Amino acid sequence: MQRVVRIPTLPENPLQASADFYCSHLAMVTDGLAGNATSLAIVFPPASHAHRGWRRAAIANLAREFAPVRVNGIAGSEGEALSAALAWLGHSPGVTGQLLGLYGQSEECEAYSPDE
């Protein structure tokens, strides 16, 4: 069973956002792992590329800490793309510790160009 935790807002500054996540939202995340959850998806609001490092580290550390429960993150806002990503994660038992950026909704996924 996949649980979803939505982080409603975070500060624009990456350091402040990281601190806010750990101080204000970590308990909600760990509560989402209680019971019979086999998977947890954490939905972050869209943010700049500067947030990718702390988010990736948080997801990776949570995935290691709570294994065998799968923990993944998604950066993006509500809509069809988010619904599709959540459905895909829910049916992908080998995926854990990943941060997915929804194309066009987050600078995190637009920062990479194969031509660079």
N, C-alpha and C. Protein backbone atom coordinates (compact mmCIF):
# COMPACT_ATOMS: atom_id res chain seq x y z
N MET A 1 0.84 -1.18 0.00
CA MET A 1 0.00 0.00 0.00
C MET A 1 0.88 1.25 0.00
N GLN A 2 0.62 2.15 -0.93
CA GLN A 2 1.39 3.38 -1.01
C GLN A 2 0.68 4.50 -0.26
N ARG A 3 1.43 5.20 0.55
CA ARG A 3 0.92 6.39 1.22
C ARG A 3 1.56 7.61 0.55
N VAL A 4 0.86 8.71 0.58
CA VAL A 4 1.36 9.95 -0.02
C VAL A 4 1.33 11.04 1.04
N VAL A 5 2.46 11.74 1.19
CA VAL A 5 2.56 12.89 2.09
C VAL A 5 2.87 14.10 1.22
N ARG A 6 2.01 15.10 1.31
CA ARG A 6 2.19 16.32 0.54
C ARG A 6 2.75 17.42 1.45
N ILE A 7 3.86 17.98 1.02
CA ILE A 7 4.46 19.11 1.74
C ILE A 7 3.87 20.36 1.07
N PRO A 8 3.02 21.13 1.76
CA PRO A 8 2.28 22.20 1.09
C PRO A 8 3.16 23.36 0.61
N THR A 9 4.01 23.87 1.45
CA THR A 9 4.88 24.99 1.07
C THR A 9 6.20 24.87 1.81
N LEU A 10 7.22 25.44 1.20
CA LEU A 10 8.54 25.54 1.81
C LEU A 10 9.14 26.88 1.43
N PRO A 11 10.06 27.42 2.24
CA PRO A 11 10.71 28.68 1.89
C PRO A 11 11.47 28.58 0.56
N GLU A 12 11.66 29.73 -0.09
CA GLU A 12 12.40 29.76 -1.35
C GLU A 12 13.89 29.48 -1.15
N ASN A 13 14.44 29.91 -0.04
CA ASN A 13 15.85 29.70 0.24
C ASN A 13 16.08 28.22 0.55
N PRO A 14 16.99 27.54 -0.17
CA PRO A 14 17.19 26.10 0.03
C PRO A 14 17.58 25.71 1.45
N LEU A 15 18.44 26.48 2.11
CA LEU A 15 18.85 26.15 3.47
C LEU A 15 17.67 26.27 4.44
N GLN A 16 16.90 27.33 4.29
CA GLN A 16 15.72 27.49 5.13
C GLN A 16 14.67 26.42 4.83
N ALA A 17 14.53 26.05 3.56
CA ALA A 17 13.56 25.02 3.18
C ALA A 17 13.94 23.67 3.79
N SER A 18 15.23 23.36 3.76
CA SER A 18 15.70 22.11 4.35
C SER A 18 15.42 22.08 5.85
N ALA A 19 15.75 23.18 6.52
CA ALA A 19 15.52 23.25 7.96
C ALA A 19 14.03 23.13 8.27
N ASP A 20 13.20 23.78 7.48
CA ASP A 20 11.75 23.72 7.68
C ASP A 20 11.22 22.30 7.45
N PHE A 21 11.74 21.62 6.44
CA PHE A 21 11.32 20.25 6.18
C PHE A 21 11.61 19.36 7.38
N TYR A 22 12.83 19.42 7.87
CA TYR A 22 13.22 18.56 8.99
C TYR A 22 12.53 18.95 10.30
N CYS A 23 12.33 20.25 10.53
CA CYS A 23 11.71 20.68 11.80
C CYS A 23 10.19 20.57 11.79
N SER A 24 9.57 20.89 10.66
CA SER A 24 8.11 20.99 10.63
C SER A 24 7.40 19.84 9.94
N HIS A 25 8.08 19.10 9.07
CA HIS A 25 7.39 18.10 8.27
C HIS A 25 7.87 16.66 8.47
N LEU A 26 9.01 16.49 9.11
CA LEU A 26 9.56 15.14 9.25
C LEU A 26 8.64 14.22 10.05
N ALA A 27 8.00 14.74 11.08
CA ALA A 27 7.07 13.91 11.87
C ALA A 27 5.91 13.43 11.02
N MET A 28 5.39 14.30 10.15
CA MET A 28 4.31 13.92 9.26
C MET A 28 4.77 12.82 8.29
N VAL A 29 6.01 12.93 7.83
CA VAL A 29 6.56 11.92 6.92
C VAL A 29 6.70 10.57 7.63
N THR A 30 7.26 10.58 8.82
CA THR A 30 7.44 9.31 9.53
C THR A 30 6.11 8.72 9.95
N ASP A 31 5.11 9.56 10.25
CA ASP A 31 3.76 9.06 10.53
C ASP A 31 3.18 8.35 9.31
N GLY A 32 3.53 8.82 8.13
CA GLY A 32 3.06 8.20 6.89
C GLY A 32 3.62 6.81 6.70
N LEU A 33 4.69 6.49 7.41
CA LEU A 33 5.31 5.17 7.30
C LEU A 33 4.73 4.16 8.28
N ALA A 34 3.84 4.62 9.15
CA ALA A 34 3.26 3.72 10.15
C ALA A 34 2.25 2.77 9.50
N GLY A 35 1.98 1.70 10.20
CA GLY A 35 0.98 0.75 9.72
C GLY A 35 1.51 -0.18 8.66
N ASN A 36 0.67 -0.44 7.68
CA ASN A 36 1.01 -1.43 6.66
C ASN A 36 1.50 -0.81 5.36
N ALA A 37 2.04 0.37 5.40
CA ALA A 37 2.55 1.01 4.19
C ALA A 37 3.75 0.23 3.65
N THR A 38 3.75 -0.02 2.36
CA THR A 38 4.90 -0.64 1.70
C THR A 38 5.68 0.39 0.90
N SER A 39 5.06 1.57 0.71
CA SER A 39 5.67 2.61 -0.10
C SER A 39 5.18 3.97 0.40
N LEU A 40 6.08 4.96 0.36
CA LEU A 40 5.72 6.32 0.72
C LEU A 40 6.22 7.25 -0.37
N ALA A 41 5.34 8.09 -0.86
CA ALA A 41 5.71 9.12 -1.83
C ALA A 41 5.56 10.48 -1.15
N ILE A 42 6.64 11.25 -1.16
CA ILE A 42 6.63 12.59 -0.58
C ILE A 42 6.56 13.58 -1.74
N VAL A 43 5.51 14.40 -1.74
CA VAL A 43 5.32 15.37 -2.81
C VAL A 43 5.78 16.73 -2.32
N PHE A 44 6.85 17.23 -2.94
CA PHE A 44 7.40 18.54 -2.62
C PHE A 44 6.81 19.58 -3.58
N PRO A 45 6.66 20.82 -3.15
CA PRO A 45 6.22 21.86 -4.08
C PRO A 45 7.33 22.15 -5.09
N PRO A 46 6.97 22.65 -6.28
CA PRO A 46 8.01 23.01 -7.25
C PRO A 46 9.02 23.98 -6.64
N ALA A 47 10.27 23.85 -7.06
CA ALA A 47 11.33 24.71 -6.53
C ALA A 47 12.46 24.81 -7.54
N SER A 48 13.39 25.69 -7.26
CA SER A 48 14.54 25.87 -8.15
C SER A 48 15.51 24.70 -8.02
N HIS A 49 16.43 24.66 -8.95
CA HIS A 49 17.47 23.63 -9.00
C HIS A 49 18.28 23.58 -7.69
N ALA A 50 18.37 24.70 -7.00
CA ALA A 50 19.17 24.78 -5.77
C ALA A 50 18.63 23.88 -4.66
N HIS A 51 17.40 23.42 -4.78
CA HIS A 51 16.79 22.57 -3.75
C HIS A 51 17.06 21.08 -3.98
N ARG A 52 17.56 20.74 -5.15
CA ARG A 52 17.72 19.33 -5.49
C ARG A 52 18.61 18.57 -4.53
N GLY A 53 19.71 19.14 -4.10
CA GLY A 53 20.67 18.43 -3.24
C GLY A 53 20.08 18.00 -1.91
N TRP A 54 19.47 18.94 -1.20
CA TRP A 54 18.93 18.57 0.12
C TRP A 54 17.76 17.63 -0.01
N ARG A 55 16.96 17.79 -1.06
CA ARG A 55 15.81 16.90 -1.25
C ARG A 55 16.28 15.48 -1.58
N ARG A 56 17.25 15.37 -2.46
CA ARG A 56 17.77 14.03 -2.80
C ARG A 56 18.36 13.35 -1.58
N ALA A 57 19.11 14.11 -0.78
CA ALA A 57 19.70 13.54 0.44
C ALA A 57 18.63 13.11 1.43
N ALA A 58 17.59 13.92 1.59
CA ALA A 58 16.51 13.57 2.53
C ALA A 58 15.82 12.29 2.09
N ILE A 59 15.49 12.18 0.81
CA ILE A 59 14.81 10.98 0.30
C ILE A 59 15.71 9.76 0.44
N ALA A 60 16.97 9.88 0.07
CA ALA A 60 17.90 8.75 0.17
C ALA A 60 18.05 8.28 1.62
N ASN A 61 18.20 9.22 2.54
CA ASN A 61 18.34 8.86 3.95
C ASN A 61 17.08 8.22 4.51
N LEU A 62 15.92 8.74 4.14
CA LEU A 62 14.66 8.14 4.59
C LEU A 62 14.48 6.73 4.02
N ALA A 63 14.86 6.55 2.77
CA ALA A 63 14.74 5.22 2.15
C ALA A 63 15.65 4.21 2.85
N ARG A 64 16.86 4.62 3.21
CA ARG A 64 17.76 3.71 3.93
C ARG A 64 17.23 3.42 5.34
N GLU A 65 16.75 4.45 6.01
CA GLU A 65 16.29 4.32 7.38
C GLU A 65 15.06 3.41 7.51
N PHE A 66 14.16 3.48 6.55
CA PHE A 66 12.89 2.78 6.68
C PHE A 66 12.75 1.57 5.76
N ALA A 67 13.85 1.14 5.13
CA ALA A 67 13.79 -0.07 4.30
C ALA A 67 13.29 -1.23 5.15
N PRO A 68 12.47 -2.07 4.64
CA PRO A 68 12.15 -2.33 3.23
C PRO A 68 11.01 -1.48 2.67
N VAL A 69 10.44 -0.54 3.46
CA VAL A 69 9.45 0.36 2.90
C VAL A 69 10.14 1.24 1.86
N ARG A 70 9.53 1.39 0.71
CA ARG A 70 10.10 2.23 -0.35
C ARG A 70 9.72 3.68 -0.10
N VAL A 71 10.69 4.58 -0.19
CA VAL A 71 10.46 6.01 -0.01
C VAL A 71 10.98 6.73 -1.24
N ASN A 72 10.11 7.53 -1.86
CA ASN A 72 10.48 8.31 -3.04
C ASN A 72 9.91 9.71 -2.91
N GLY A 73 10.46 10.64 -3.66
CA GLY A 73 9.98 12.01 -3.66
C GLY A 73 9.60 12.45 -5.06
N ILE A 74 8.66 13.37 -5.12
CA ILE A 74 8.25 13.96 -6.39
C ILE A 74 8.20 15.47 -6.18
N ALA A 75 8.82 16.23 -7.08
CA ALA A 75 8.76 17.69 -7.04
C ALA A 75 7.81 18.15 -8.13
N GLY A 76 6.69 18.72 -7.73
CA GLY A 76 5.72 19.19 -8.70
C GLY A 76 4.40 19.52 -8.04
N SER A 77 3.50 20.08 -8.82
CA SER A 77 2.21 20.48 -8.27
C SER A 77 1.12 19.52 -8.72
N GLU A 78 -0.05 19.66 -8.10
CA GLU A 78 -1.18 18.79 -8.37
C GLU A 78 -1.54 18.82 -9.86
N GLY A 79 -2.03 17.72 -10.35
CA GLY A 79 -2.46 17.66 -11.73
C GLY A 79 -2.25 16.27 -12.30
N GLU A 80 -2.45 16.17 -13.59
CA GLU A 80 -2.37 14.88 -14.28
C GLU A 80 -0.97 14.26 -14.20
N ALA A 81 0.06 15.09 -14.34
CA ALA A 81 1.43 14.56 -14.29
C ALA A 81 1.74 13.97 -12.92
N LEU A 82 1.30 14.64 -11.87
CA LEU A 82 1.53 14.12 -10.52
C LEU A 82 0.76 12.83 -10.30
N SER A 83 -0.47 12.79 -10.73
CA SER A 83 -1.27 11.56 -10.59
C SER A 83 -0.61 10.39 -11.32
N ALA A 84 -0.09 10.65 -12.51
CA ALA A 84 0.57 9.59 -13.29
C ALA A 84 1.86 9.14 -12.60
N ALA A 85 2.63 10.09 -12.05
CA ALA A 85 3.87 9.72 -11.36
C ALA A 85 3.58 8.91 -10.10
N LEU A 86 2.56 9.29 -9.36
CA LEU A 86 2.19 8.53 -8.16
C LEU A 86 1.73 7.13 -8.52
N ALA A 87 0.95 7.01 -9.58
CA ALA A 87 0.49 5.68 -10.01
C ALA A 87 1.68 4.83 -10.44
N TRP A 88 2.62 5.42 -11.16
CA TRP A 88 3.80 4.68 -11.61
C TRP A 88 4.62 4.19 -10.41
N LEU A 89 4.86 5.08 -9.45
CA LEU A 89 5.62 4.68 -8.26
C LEU A 89 4.89 3.59 -7.49
N GLY A 90 3.57 3.67 -7.43
CA GLY A 90 2.79 2.67 -6.72
C GLY A 90 2.89 1.28 -7.32
N HIS A 91 3.22 1.22 -8.61
CA HIS A 91 3.33 -0.07 -9.30
C HIS A 91 4.77 -0.40 -9.70
N SER A 92 5.73 0.21 -9.04
CA SER A 92 7.15 -0.02 -9.35
C SER A 92 7.88 -0.48 -8.09
N PRO A 93 7.78 -1.76 -7.77
CA PRO A 93 8.32 -2.25 -6.50
C PRO A 93 9.84 -2.17 -6.36
N GLY A 94 10.55 -1.94 -7.44
CA GLY A 94 12.00 -1.87 -7.34
C GLY A 94 12.54 -0.46 -7.21
N VAL A 95 11.67 0.54 -7.18
CA VAL A 95 12.11 1.93 -7.15
C VAL A 95 12.02 2.47 -5.73
N THR A 96 13.16 2.92 -5.21
CA THR A 96 13.19 3.54 -3.88
C THR A 96 14.37 4.51 -3.80
N GLY A 97 14.21 5.52 -2.98
CA GLY A 97 15.28 6.49 -2.77
C GLY A 97 15.45 7.48 -3.90
N GLN A 98 14.42 7.67 -4.73
CA GLN A 98 14.54 8.53 -5.90
C GLN A 98 13.74 9.81 -5.73
N LEU A 99 14.22 10.88 -6.35
CA LEU A 99 13.52 12.16 -6.40
C LEU A 99 13.18 12.43 -7.86
N LEU A 100 11.90 12.48 -8.17
CA LEU A 100 11.44 12.73 -9.53
C LEU A 100 10.97 14.17 -9.65
N GLY A 101 11.38 14.84 -10.70
CA GLY A 101 10.89 16.19 -11.00
C GLY A 101 9.92 16.10 -12.15
N LEU A 102 8.76 16.68 -12.01
CA LEU A 102 7.77 16.65 -13.07
C LEU A 102 8.12 17.70 -14.11
N TYR A 103 8.25 17.27 -15.34
CA TYR A 103 8.69 18.14 -16.43
C TYR A 103 7.77 19.36 -16.56
N GLY A 104 8.39 20.52 -16.63
CA GLY A 104 7.65 21.75 -16.80
C GLY A 104 7.09 22.33 -15.51
N GLN A 105 7.21 21.61 -14.40
CA GLN A 105 6.67 22.08 -13.14
C GLN A 105 7.76 22.41 -12.12
N SER A 106 8.98 22.04 -12.43
CA SER A 106 10.04 22.23 -11.47
C SER A 106 11.34 22.50 -12.22
N GLU A 107 12.08 23.48 -11.78
CA GLU A 107 13.37 23.74 -12.39
C GLU A 107 14.35 22.61 -12.12
N GLU A 108 14.03 21.74 -11.17
CA GLU A 108 14.92 20.63 -10.85
C GLU A 108 15.13 19.73 -12.05
N CYS A 109 14.07 19.48 -12.82
CA CYS A 109 14.22 18.55 -13.94
C CYS A 109 14.59 19.28 -15.22
N GLU A 110 14.50 20.60 -15.25
CA GLU A 110 14.83 21.33 -16.45
C GLU A 110 16.28 21.82 -16.46
N ALA A 111 17.01 21.58 -15.37
CA ALA A 111 18.37 22.08 -15.25
C ALA A 111 19.35 21.26 -16.07
N TYR A 112 18.97 20.04 -16.45
CA TYR A 112 19.87 19.16 -17.19
C TYR A 112 19.60 19.27 -18.67
N SER A 113 20.63 19.40 -19.43
CA SER A 113 20.51 19.38 -20.88
C SER A 113 21.55 18.40 -21.40
N PRO A 114 21.14 17.43 -22.23
CA PRO A 114 22.11 16.45 -22.74
C PRO A 114 23.16 17.08 -23.64
N ASP A 115 22.94 18.30 -24.12
CA ASP A 115 23.90 18.96 -25.00
C ASP A 115 25.00 19.67 -24.23
N GLU A 116 24.87 19.74 -22.91
CA GLU A 116 25.89 20.45 -22.12
C GLU A 116 27.08 19.59 -21.85
